[in-house]
N, C-alpha and C. Protein backbone atom coordinates (compact mmCIF):
# COMPACT_ATOMS: atom_id res chain seq x y z
N MET A 1 -14.31 31.28 70.72
CA MET A 1 -13.45 30.19 70.34
C MET A 1 -12.34 30.91 69.72
N ALA A 2 -11.00 30.73 70.10
CA ALA A 2 -9.79 31.31 69.79
C ALA A 2 -9.29 30.41 68.52
N LEU A 3 -8.67 31.14 67.34
CA LEU A 3 -8.32 30.37 66.44
C LEU A 3 -6.79 30.18 66.65
N SER A 4 -6.17 28.99 66.33
CA SER A 4 -4.97 28.63 66.45
C SER A 4 -4.05 29.12 65.33
N LYS A 5 -2.89 29.61 65.34
CA LYS A 5 -2.11 29.96 64.27
C LYS A 5 -1.28 28.68 63.78
N ILE A 6 -1.16 28.64 62.47
CA ILE A 6 -0.72 27.44 61.85
C ILE A 6 0.73 27.81 61.27
N ASP A 7 1.74 27.20 61.48
CA ASP A 7 3.16 27.42 61.03
C ASP A 7 3.39 26.65 59.84
N VAL A 8 2.81 27.13 58.71
CA VAL A 8 2.95 26.43 57.46
C VAL A 8 4.42 26.43 56.95
N ALA A 9 5.35 27.34 57.18
CA ALA A 9 6.81 27.37 56.70
C ALA A 9 7.40 26.06 57.38
N ASN A 10 7.06 25.53 58.60
CA ASN A 10 7.70 24.21 59.23
C ASN A 10 6.87 22.95 58.74
N MET A 11 5.71 23.09 58.18
CA MET A 11 4.98 22.08 57.57
C MET A 11 5.29 21.58 56.46
N LEU A 12 5.98 22.58 55.42
CA LEU A 12 6.14 22.34 53.96
C LEU A 12 7.64 22.03 53.73
N THR A 13 7.98 21.25 52.81
CA THR A 13 9.23 21.31 52.27
C THR A 13 9.33 21.88 50.83
N GLY A 14 10.45 22.57 50.61
CA GLY A 14 10.55 23.35 49.39
C GLY A 14 10.20 24.93 49.51
N ALA A 15 9.79 25.45 48.54
CA ALA A 15 9.19 26.88 48.66
C ALA A 15 7.91 26.96 49.13
N THR A 16 7.52 28.03 50.03
CA THR A 16 6.58 28.19 50.42
C THR A 16 5.54 29.11 49.63
N PRO A 17 4.24 28.67 49.16
CA PRO A 17 3.69 29.81 48.29
C PRO A 17 3.38 30.93 48.87
N VAL A 18 3.36 31.91 47.74
CA VAL A 18 2.97 33.18 48.03
C VAL A 18 1.61 33.54 48.14
N ALA A 19 1.02 34.35 49.01
CA ALA A 19 -0.54 34.62 48.76
C ALA A 19 -0.78 35.59 47.50
N ASN A 20 -2.08 35.59 47.20
CA ASN A 20 -2.80 36.23 46.22
C ASN A 20 -1.97 35.88 44.58
N GLY A 21 -1.79 34.68 44.55
CA GLY A 21 -1.49 34.25 43.08
C GLY A 21 0.02 34.57 42.80
N GLY A 22 0.84 34.69 43.64
CA GLY A 22 2.12 34.88 43.57
C GLY A 22 2.84 33.49 43.63
N THR A 23 4.05 33.66 43.37
CA THR A 23 5.06 32.48 43.43
C THR A 23 6.30 32.58 44.15
N ALA A 24 6.88 31.66 44.91
CA ALA A 24 8.11 31.64 45.65
C ALA A 24 8.86 30.57 44.99
N LEU A 25 8.63 30.16 43.73
CA LEU A 25 9.48 28.96 43.09
C LEU A 25 11.01 29.35 43.18
N THR A 26 11.61 28.38 43.34
CA THR A 26 13.29 28.68 43.18
C THR A 26 13.86 27.78 42.09
N SER A 27 13.04 27.00 41.46
CA SER A 27 13.49 26.37 40.17
C SER A 27 12.44 25.78 39.30
N GLY A 28 12.68 25.07 38.15
CA GLY A 28 11.60 24.79 37.17
C GLY A 28 10.88 25.87 36.44
N PHE A 29 9.59 25.90 36.23
CA PHE A 29 9.07 26.95 35.43
C PHE A 29 9.00 28.52 36.14
N LYS A 30 10.13 28.86 36.26
CA LYS A 30 10.12 30.06 36.96
C LYS A 30 9.63 31.34 36.17
N ASN A 31 9.87 31.28 34.82
CA ASN A 31 9.45 32.42 34.02
C ASN A 31 7.88 32.26 33.31
N GLY A 32 7.45 31.30 33.50
CA GLY A 32 6.04 31.11 33.16
C GLY A 32 5.97 31.24 31.57
N ILE A 33 4.73 31.30 31.11
CA ILE A 33 4.63 31.47 29.75
C ILE A 33 5.18 32.60 29.11
N THR A 34 5.92 32.58 28.03
CA THR A 34 6.40 33.84 27.32
C THR A 34 6.16 33.66 25.88
N ASN A 35 5.68 32.58 25.24
CA ASN A 35 5.39 32.33 23.93
C ASN A 35 4.01 31.72 23.77
N ALA A 36 3.34 32.17 22.79
CA ALA A 36 2.10 31.27 22.27
C ALA A 36 1.81 31.72 21.11
N THR A 37 1.53 30.86 20.09
CA THR A 37 1.28 30.94 18.69
C THR A 37 0.57 29.88 18.13
N GLN A 38 -0.06 30.19 17.03
CA GLN A 38 -0.81 29.02 16.24
C GLN A 38 -0.65 29.30 14.77
N TRP A 39 -0.58 28.30 14.13
CA TRP A 39 -0.20 28.20 12.50
C TRP A 39 -1.55 27.47 12.04
N ARG A 40 -2.03 27.73 10.77
CA ARG A 40 -3.06 26.87 10.29
C ARG A 40 -2.63 26.42 9.06
N LEU A 41 -3.41 25.53 8.41
CA LEU A 41 -3.12 24.93 6.98
C LEU A 41 -4.25 25.65 6.33
N THR A 42 -3.89 26.51 5.08
CA THR A 42 -4.66 27.30 4.44
C THR A 42 -5.57 26.79 3.22
N THR A 43 -5.20 25.59 2.86
CA THR A 43 -6.10 24.77 1.79
C THR A 43 -6.04 23.45 2.20
N SER A 44 -7.19 22.82 1.61
CA SER A 44 -7.28 21.25 1.91
C SER A 44 -6.38 20.66 0.88
N PHE A 45 -6.23 19.32 1.22
CA PHE A 45 -5.65 18.44 0.26
C PHE A 45 -6.23 16.81 0.37
N SER A 46 -5.99 16.29 -0.66
CA SER A 46 -6.33 14.68 -0.63
C SER A 46 -5.37 13.77 -0.39
N GLY A 47 -5.53 12.57 0.23
CA GLY A 47 -4.44 11.71 0.48
C GLY A 47 -3.61 12.02 1.54
N ASP A 48 -2.41 11.32 1.63
CA ASP A 48 -1.68 11.35 2.81
C ASP A 48 -0.77 12.60 2.79
N GLY A 49 -0.51 13.11 3.99
CA GLY A 49 0.44 14.20 3.97
C GLY A 49 1.58 13.88 4.90
N ASP A 50 2.63 13.01 4.57
CA ASP A 50 3.68 12.42 5.45
C ASP A 50 4.34 13.52 6.15
N HIS A 51 4.48 14.66 5.41
CA HIS A 51 5.13 15.86 6.00
C HIS A 51 4.33 16.94 5.25
N ILE A 52 3.61 17.58 6.05
CA ILE A 52 2.65 18.69 5.34
C ILE A 52 3.65 19.74 5.31
N ASP A 53 4.06 19.99 3.98
CA ASP A 53 5.32 20.79 3.70
C ASP A 53 4.85 22.37 2.99
N SER A 54 3.45 22.46 2.68
CA SER A 54 2.96 23.84 2.24
C SER A 54 1.70 24.20 2.71
N ASN A 55 1.59 25.40 2.44
CA ASN A 55 0.24 26.26 2.78
C ASN A 55 0.01 26.37 4.30
N TRP A 56 1.03 26.78 4.96
CA TRP A 56 1.01 27.14 6.31
C TRP A 56 0.98 28.65 6.46
N GLU A 57 0.07 28.99 7.38
CA GLU A 57 0.34 30.41 7.67
C GLU A 57 0.01 30.78 9.27
N GLN A 58 0.63 31.80 9.64
CA GLN A 58 0.50 32.11 11.25
C GLN A 58 -0.94 32.67 11.19
N VAL A 59 -1.71 32.23 12.32
CA VAL A 59 -3.08 32.49 12.38
C VAL A 59 -3.07 34.31 12.58
N ASP A 60 -3.97 34.78 11.77
CA ASP A 60 -4.11 36.13 11.60
C ASP A 60 -5.29 36.90 11.72
N THR A 61 -6.48 36.06 12.05
CA THR A 61 -7.80 36.51 11.86
C THR A 61 -8.12 37.28 12.91
N THR A 62 -8.96 38.36 12.91
CA THR A 62 -9.28 39.28 13.97
C THR A 62 -9.50 38.73 15.21
N GLY A 63 -8.79 39.08 16.33
CA GLY A 63 -9.24 38.81 17.55
C GLY A 63 -8.14 37.80 18.03
N GLN A 64 -7.34 37.03 16.91
CA GLN A 64 -6.45 35.98 17.46
C GLN A 64 -5.05 36.74 17.62
N GLY A 65 -4.18 36.38 18.58
CA GLY A 65 -2.96 36.83 18.48
C GLY A 65 -1.80 36.09 18.88
N ILE A 66 -0.71 36.72 19.09
CA ILE A 66 0.50 35.74 19.49
C ILE A 66 1.14 36.47 20.79
N LEU A 67 2.02 35.51 21.48
CA LEU A 67 2.76 36.21 22.63
C LEU A 67 4.10 35.95 22.52
N GLY A 68 4.92 36.79 22.54
CA GLY A 68 6.21 36.69 22.36
C GLY A 68 6.71 36.41 20.95
N SER A 69 7.77 36.03 20.73
CA SER A 69 8.33 35.52 19.46
C SER A 69 7.73 34.35 18.96
N ALA A 70 7.44 34.44 17.54
CA ALA A 70 6.54 33.28 16.87
C ALA A 70 7.36 32.45 16.48
N MET A 71 6.83 31.06 16.30
CA MET A 71 7.60 30.01 15.38
C MET A 71 8.13 30.48 14.04
N SER A 72 9.08 30.10 13.34
CA SER A 72 9.29 30.26 12.12
C SER A 72 9.12 28.89 11.36
N GLU A 73 8.66 29.09 10.23
CA GLU A 73 8.24 27.94 9.26
C GLU A 73 8.85 28.07 7.95
N SER A 74 9.52 26.86 7.42
CA SER A 74 9.90 26.93 6.15
C SER A 74 9.56 25.46 5.50
N SER A 75 8.98 25.32 4.38
CA SER A 75 8.62 24.11 4.03
C SER A 75 8.07 23.05 4.84
N GLY A 76 7.15 23.58 5.79
CA GLY A 76 6.37 22.65 6.81
C GLY A 76 7.34 22.27 7.90
N THR A 77 8.51 22.76 8.01
CA THR A 77 9.34 22.57 9.20
C THR A 77 9.40 23.80 10.18
N PHE A 78 8.94 23.37 11.36
CA PHE A 78 8.93 24.60 12.14
C PHE A 78 10.09 24.77 13.20
N THR A 79 10.51 25.99 13.55
CA THR A 79 11.73 26.12 14.39
C THR A 79 11.29 26.97 15.45
N PHE A 80 11.74 26.50 16.81
CA PHE A 80 11.46 27.13 17.87
C PHE A 80 12.33 28.23 17.98
N PRO A 81 11.57 29.52 18.48
CA PRO A 81 12.46 30.79 18.52
C PRO A 81 13.42 30.94 19.93
N SER A 82 13.24 29.91 20.82
CA SER A 82 14.08 29.86 21.99
C SER A 82 13.94 28.57 22.63
N THR A 83 15.07 28.29 23.45
CA THR A 83 14.91 27.03 24.08
C THR A 83 13.77 26.97 25.33
N GLY A 84 13.48 25.96 25.75
CA GLY A 84 12.53 25.94 26.91
C GLY A 84 11.84 24.65 26.81
N ILE A 85 10.86 24.60 27.62
CA ILE A 85 9.65 23.56 27.68
C ILE A 85 8.68 23.97 26.88
N TRP A 86 8.19 23.42 25.80
CA TRP A 86 7.26 23.79 25.01
C TRP A 86 6.31 22.74 24.91
N TYR A 87 4.93 23.03 24.79
CA TYR A 87 3.81 22.41 24.50
C TYR A 87 3.45 22.59 23.15
N VAL A 88 3.27 21.39 22.31
CA VAL A 88 2.92 21.43 21.03
C VAL A 88 1.61 20.55 20.70
N GLU A 89 0.63 21.05 20.07
CA GLU A 89 -0.57 20.34 19.62
C GLU A 89 -0.96 20.26 18.16
N PHE A 90 -1.15 19.48 17.49
CA PHE A 90 -1.64 19.64 16.22
C PHE A 90 -3.17 18.74 16.24
N TYR A 91 -3.85 19.70 15.59
CA TYR A 91 -5.37 19.31 15.43
C TYR A 91 -5.66 19.21 13.86
N ALA A 92 -6.28 18.03 13.40
CA ALA A 92 -6.44 18.02 11.99
C ALA A 92 -7.80 17.59 11.80
N SER A 93 -8.39 18.24 10.73
CA SER A 93 -9.91 17.99 10.45
C SER A 93 -9.99 17.42 9.06
N TYR A 94 -10.80 16.32 8.98
CA TYR A 94 -10.81 15.59 7.83
C TYR A 94 -12.18 15.45 7.14
N ASN A 95 -12.54 15.12 5.95
CA ASN A 95 -13.88 14.80 5.46
C ASN A 95 -13.57 13.68 4.37
N PHE A 96 -14.44 12.67 4.08
CA PHE A 96 -14.25 11.69 3.06
C PHE A 96 -15.54 11.26 2.87
N ASN A 97 -15.52 10.63 1.39
CA ASN A 97 -16.74 10.05 0.98
C ASN A 97 -16.61 8.42 1.03
N GLY A 98 -17.41 7.71 1.36
CA GLY A 98 -17.29 6.18 1.37
C GLY A 98 -17.05 5.78 2.75
N ASP A 99 -16.09 4.86 2.98
CA ASP A 99 -16.06 4.10 4.21
C ASP A 99 -14.63 4.20 4.77
N ALA A 100 -13.97 5.38 5.19
CA ALA A 100 -12.59 5.53 5.70
C ALA A 100 -12.58 4.94 7.00
N ARG A 101 -11.65 4.01 7.08
CA ARG A 101 -11.71 3.26 8.55
C ARG A 101 -10.75 4.24 9.61
N PHE A 102 -9.88 4.97 9.05
CA PHE A 102 -9.11 5.69 10.11
C PHE A 102 -8.32 6.87 9.27
N GLN A 103 -8.25 7.84 10.10
CA GLN A 103 -7.19 8.97 9.67
C GLN A 103 -6.38 9.33 10.94
N GLU A 104 -4.91 9.53 10.60
CA GLU A 104 -4.08 9.78 11.79
C GLU A 104 -3.42 11.19 11.67
N ALA A 105 -3.41 11.96 12.90
CA ALA A 105 -2.62 13.17 12.84
C ALA A 105 -1.36 12.90 13.92
N TYR A 106 -0.20 13.41 13.36
CA TYR A 106 0.93 12.96 14.21
C TYR A 106 1.99 14.13 14.21
N ILE A 107 2.83 14.17 15.18
CA ILE A 107 4.03 15.20 15.24
C ILE A 107 5.42 14.57 15.23
N ASN A 108 6.13 15.10 14.31
CA ASN A 108 7.40 14.70 14.41
C ASN A 108 8.44 15.79 15.09
N ILE A 109 9.25 15.28 15.98
CA ILE A 109 10.19 16.20 16.41
C ILE A 109 11.59 15.61 15.91
N ALA A 110 12.43 16.68 15.37
CA ALA A 110 13.83 15.99 14.83
C ALA A 110 13.43 14.79 13.87
N SER A 111 12.41 14.81 12.88
CA SER A 111 12.16 13.73 12.13
C SER A 111 11.77 12.41 12.86
N THR A 112 11.56 12.47 14.12
CA THR A 112 11.13 11.37 14.71
C THR A 112 9.62 11.42 15.35
N LYS A 113 8.76 10.33 14.92
CA LYS A 113 7.41 10.73 15.27
C LYS A 113 7.29 10.43 16.95
N VAL A 114 6.74 11.56 17.60
CA VAL A 114 6.55 11.54 19.03
C VAL A 114 5.39 11.49 19.61
N ALA A 115 4.42 11.78 18.67
CA ALA A 115 2.92 11.69 19.26
C ALA A 115 1.94 11.54 18.15
N GLN A 116 0.92 10.82 18.24
CA GLN A 116 -0.01 10.44 17.13
C GLN A 116 -1.47 10.02 17.83
N GLN A 117 -2.34 10.29 16.80
CA GLN A 117 -3.69 9.84 17.38
C GLN A 117 -4.23 9.70 16.17
N TYR A 118 -5.21 8.61 16.34
CA TYR A 118 -6.13 8.06 15.19
C TYR A 118 -7.34 8.48 15.50
N ALA A 119 -8.24 8.79 14.25
CA ALA A 119 -9.56 9.08 14.23
C ALA A 119 -10.20 7.88 13.39
N PHE A 120 -11.06 7.05 14.24
CA PHE A 120 -11.62 5.95 13.36
C PHE A 120 -13.12 6.32 13.08
N ALA A 121 -13.41 6.22 11.84
CA ALA A 121 -14.71 6.81 11.21
C ALA A 121 -15.16 5.71 10.03
N THR A 122 -16.71 5.64 10.18
CA THR A 122 -17.33 5.04 8.99
C THR A 122 -18.42 5.59 8.57
N ASN A 123 -18.92 5.58 7.54
CA ASN A 123 -20.09 6.20 7.03
C ASN A 123 -21.32 5.48 7.43
N ASN A 124 -21.43 4.15 7.90
CA ASN A 124 -22.50 3.40 8.35
C ASN A 124 -23.47 3.59 7.21
N GLY A 125 -23.18 3.45 6.29
CA GLY A 125 -24.35 3.26 4.98
C GLY A 125 -24.90 4.68 4.58
N GLU A 126 -24.30 5.88 5.10
CA GLU A 126 -24.68 7.09 4.73
C GLU A 126 -23.97 7.55 3.44
N SER A 127 -24.87 8.31 2.65
CA SER A 127 -24.16 8.79 1.43
C SER A 127 -23.68 10.33 1.72
N GLY A 128 -22.82 10.94 0.91
CA GLY A 128 -22.24 12.15 0.85
C GLY A 128 -21.16 12.13 2.07
N ALA A 129 -20.77 13.32 2.18
CA ALA A 129 -19.33 13.45 2.95
C ALA A 129 -19.50 13.13 4.55
N ASN A 130 -18.53 12.66 5.05
CA ASN A 130 -18.31 12.43 6.41
C ASN A 130 -17.18 13.17 6.98
N TYR A 131 -17.32 13.46 8.23
CA TYR A 131 -16.28 14.24 8.84
C TYR A 131 -15.80 13.59 10.19
N SER A 132 -14.59 13.83 10.31
CA SER A 132 -13.69 13.45 11.63
C SER A 132 -12.59 14.29 11.92
N ASN A 133 -11.79 14.14 13.00
CA ASN A 133 -10.91 14.93 13.37
C ASN A 133 -10.01 14.07 14.46
N ALA A 134 -8.82 14.59 14.35
CA ALA A 134 -7.87 13.97 15.32
C ALA A 134 -6.75 14.87 15.87
N SER A 135 -6.32 14.78 17.09
CA SER A 135 -5.31 15.80 17.62
C SER A 135 -4.24 15.00 18.34
N ALA A 136 -3.04 15.50 18.19
CA ALA A 136 -1.98 14.93 19.11
C ALA A 136 -1.25 16.04 19.71
N SER A 137 -0.80 15.78 20.81
CA SER A 137 -0.20 16.93 21.53
C SER A 137 1.36 16.10 22.31
N THR A 138 2.11 16.88 22.67
CA THR A 138 3.55 16.57 23.38
C THR A 138 4.18 17.72 24.00
N THR A 139 5.03 17.58 24.96
CA THR A 139 5.82 18.53 25.39
C THR A 139 7.25 18.29 24.98
N VAL A 140 7.97 19.22 24.60
CA VAL A 140 9.30 19.32 24.00
C VAL A 140 10.33 20.09 25.07
N ASP A 141 11.33 19.35 25.39
CA ASP A 141 12.36 20.12 26.17
C ASP A 141 13.37 20.57 25.07
N VAL A 142 13.18 21.93 24.60
CA VAL A 142 13.97 22.43 23.53
C VAL A 142 15.35 22.86 24.00
N THR A 143 16.44 22.27 23.72
CA THR A 143 17.75 22.66 24.14
C THR A 143 18.61 22.94 23.20
N ASN A 144 18.15 22.78 21.79
CA ASN A 144 18.88 23.11 20.64
C ASN A 144 17.80 23.65 19.60
N THR A 145 17.63 24.90 19.16
CA THR A 145 16.47 25.34 18.42
C THR A 145 16.95 25.01 17.11
N GLY A 146 18.21 24.80 16.69
CA GLY A 146 18.62 24.42 15.26
C GLY A 146 18.49 23.08 14.98
N THR A 147 18.25 22.10 16.01
CA THR A 147 18.18 20.55 15.71
C THR A 147 16.90 20.07 16.11
N GLN A 148 16.04 20.71 16.97
CA GLN A 148 14.94 20.13 17.44
C GLN A 148 13.77 20.95 16.75
N THR A 149 13.47 20.54 15.66
CA THR A 149 12.44 21.21 14.65
C THR A 149 11.06 20.23 14.69
N VAL A 150 10.08 20.93 14.21
CA VAL A 150 8.75 20.16 14.49
C VAL A 150 8.06 19.95 12.90
N GLN A 151 7.58 19.02 12.69
CA GLN A 151 6.78 18.73 11.47
C GLN A 151 5.46 17.91 11.89
N PHE A 152 4.43 18.22 10.92
CA PHE A 152 3.17 17.65 10.89
C PHE A 152 2.70 16.68 10.07
N GLY A 153 2.01 15.55 10.12
CA GLY A 153 1.70 14.69 9.26
C GLY A 153 0.29 14.10 9.51
N THR A 154 -0.25 13.66 8.20
CA THR A 154 -1.57 12.76 8.29
C THR A 154 -1.47 11.77 7.39
N THR A 155 -2.14 10.62 7.80
CA THR A 155 -2.18 9.60 6.92
C THR A 155 -3.75 9.04 6.89
N HIS A 156 -4.09 8.46 5.93
CA HIS A 156 -5.70 7.93 5.84
C HIS A 156 -5.51 6.47 5.43
N SER A 157 -6.76 5.67 5.91
CA SER A 157 -6.68 4.58 5.20
C SER A 157 -7.50 4.38 3.73
N GLN A 158 -7.98 5.57 3.49
CA GLN A 158 -8.76 5.72 2.02
C GLN A 158 -8.20 6.75 1.27
N SER A 159 -7.84 6.59 0.08
CA SER A 159 -7.05 7.51 -0.69
C SER A 159 -8.07 8.76 -0.92
N GLY A 160 -9.34 8.51 -0.75
CA GLY A 160 -10.30 9.87 -1.11
C GLY A 160 -10.43 10.77 -0.05
N SER A 161 -9.73 10.54 1.16
CA SER A 161 -9.95 11.30 2.44
C SER A 161 -9.00 12.65 2.23
N ASN A 162 -9.71 13.73 2.55
CA ASN A 162 -8.96 14.99 2.63
C ASN A 162 -8.62 15.51 3.94
N THR A 163 -7.68 16.18 4.15
CA THR A 163 -7.10 16.97 5.30
C THR A 163 -7.73 18.50 4.93
N ASN A 164 -8.41 18.96 5.89
CA ASN A 164 -9.19 20.29 5.61
C ASN A 164 -8.24 21.38 6.01
N GLY A 165 -8.36 22.60 5.03
CA GLY A 165 -7.41 23.64 5.59
C GLY A 165 -8.53 25.00 4.91
N GLU A 166 -8.22 25.95 5.70
CA GLU A 166 -9.05 27.23 5.22
C GLU A 166 -8.20 28.52 5.77
N SER A 167 -8.25 29.49 5.01
CA SER A 167 -7.18 30.69 5.33
C SER A 167 -7.90 31.61 6.44
N ASP A 168 -9.11 31.29 6.57
CA ASP A 168 -9.62 32.36 7.87
C ASP A 168 -10.29 31.45 9.05
N LYS A 169 -10.01 30.34 9.00
CA LYS A 169 -10.52 29.45 10.20
C LYS A 169 -9.61 28.44 10.66
N ASN A 170 -9.56 28.05 11.76
CA ASN A 170 -8.69 27.08 12.28
C ASN A 170 -9.12 25.64 12.11
N ARG A 171 -9.20 25.01 11.03
CA ARG A 171 -9.50 23.62 10.81
C ARG A 171 -8.50 22.64 10.88
N THR A 172 -7.46 22.89 10.42
CA THR A 172 -6.27 21.96 10.55
C THR A 172 -5.15 22.97 11.12
N PHE A 173 -4.79 22.75 12.31
CA PHE A 173 -3.81 23.98 12.93
C PHE A 173 -2.77 23.30 13.93
N ALA A 174 -1.93 23.95 14.33
CA ALA A 174 -0.90 23.60 15.22
C ALA A 174 -0.77 24.75 16.28
N THR A 175 -0.67 24.49 17.60
CA THR A 175 -0.60 25.53 18.65
C THR A 175 0.86 25.14 19.38
N PHE A 176 1.70 26.34 19.67
CA PHE A 176 2.89 26.29 20.14
C PHE A 176 2.97 27.24 21.53
N ILE A 177 3.21 26.54 22.66
CA ILE A 177 3.15 27.46 23.93
C ILE A 177 4.46 27.16 24.59
N ARG A 178 5.19 27.93 24.93
CA ARG A 178 6.40 28.00 25.55
C ARG A 178 5.85 27.96 27.24
N LEU A 179 6.02 26.81 27.92
CA LEU A 179 5.82 26.74 29.28
C LEU A 179 6.74 27.45 30.12
N GLY A 180 8.05 27.30 30.05
CA GLY A 180 9.04 27.82 30.79
C GLY A 180 10.34 27.40 30.54
N ASP A 181 11.26 27.72 31.42
CA ASP A 181 12.66 27.44 31.12
C ASP A 181 12.99 25.89 31.27
N THR A 182 13.86 25.46 30.52
CA THR A 182 14.30 24.01 30.47
C THR A 182 15.25 23.80 31.63
């Protein structure tokens, strides 16, 4: 049985994919991932953190690393090192005693809340500490690194709730990945 030849170039619109994992992109994310970094909260705090403005460090535990230029941070405000399309994720870990109804993790871009996620938890009559977590993520089209900054926050329905931090583990942390050109 003879195999027929397929004329892929005439069957597709746009760029024809290149074999063996290559790309023939002519626009869009043509430079690929050039930056990736994580930051973590080094200490826990109680109550709301409308803008978590202290105790951040770039992740530095053995085996973890960064790609390209890292984000810069000042008083909890993160600045992108370059323009582009960025993926931003915030993961928050909580503990509480009693009956906490919810905890919220959220991301502000240029002081505007753009992503949020609630964790709903109850102790169901159990004594001792209870744990929950929430994460929020978004993509940001960074066209101006001076004005498009990032801040993270948490809120709780119970004042005794804690947002967990630790200096050698990612308990509450943020991930920044530059996906490509804008």
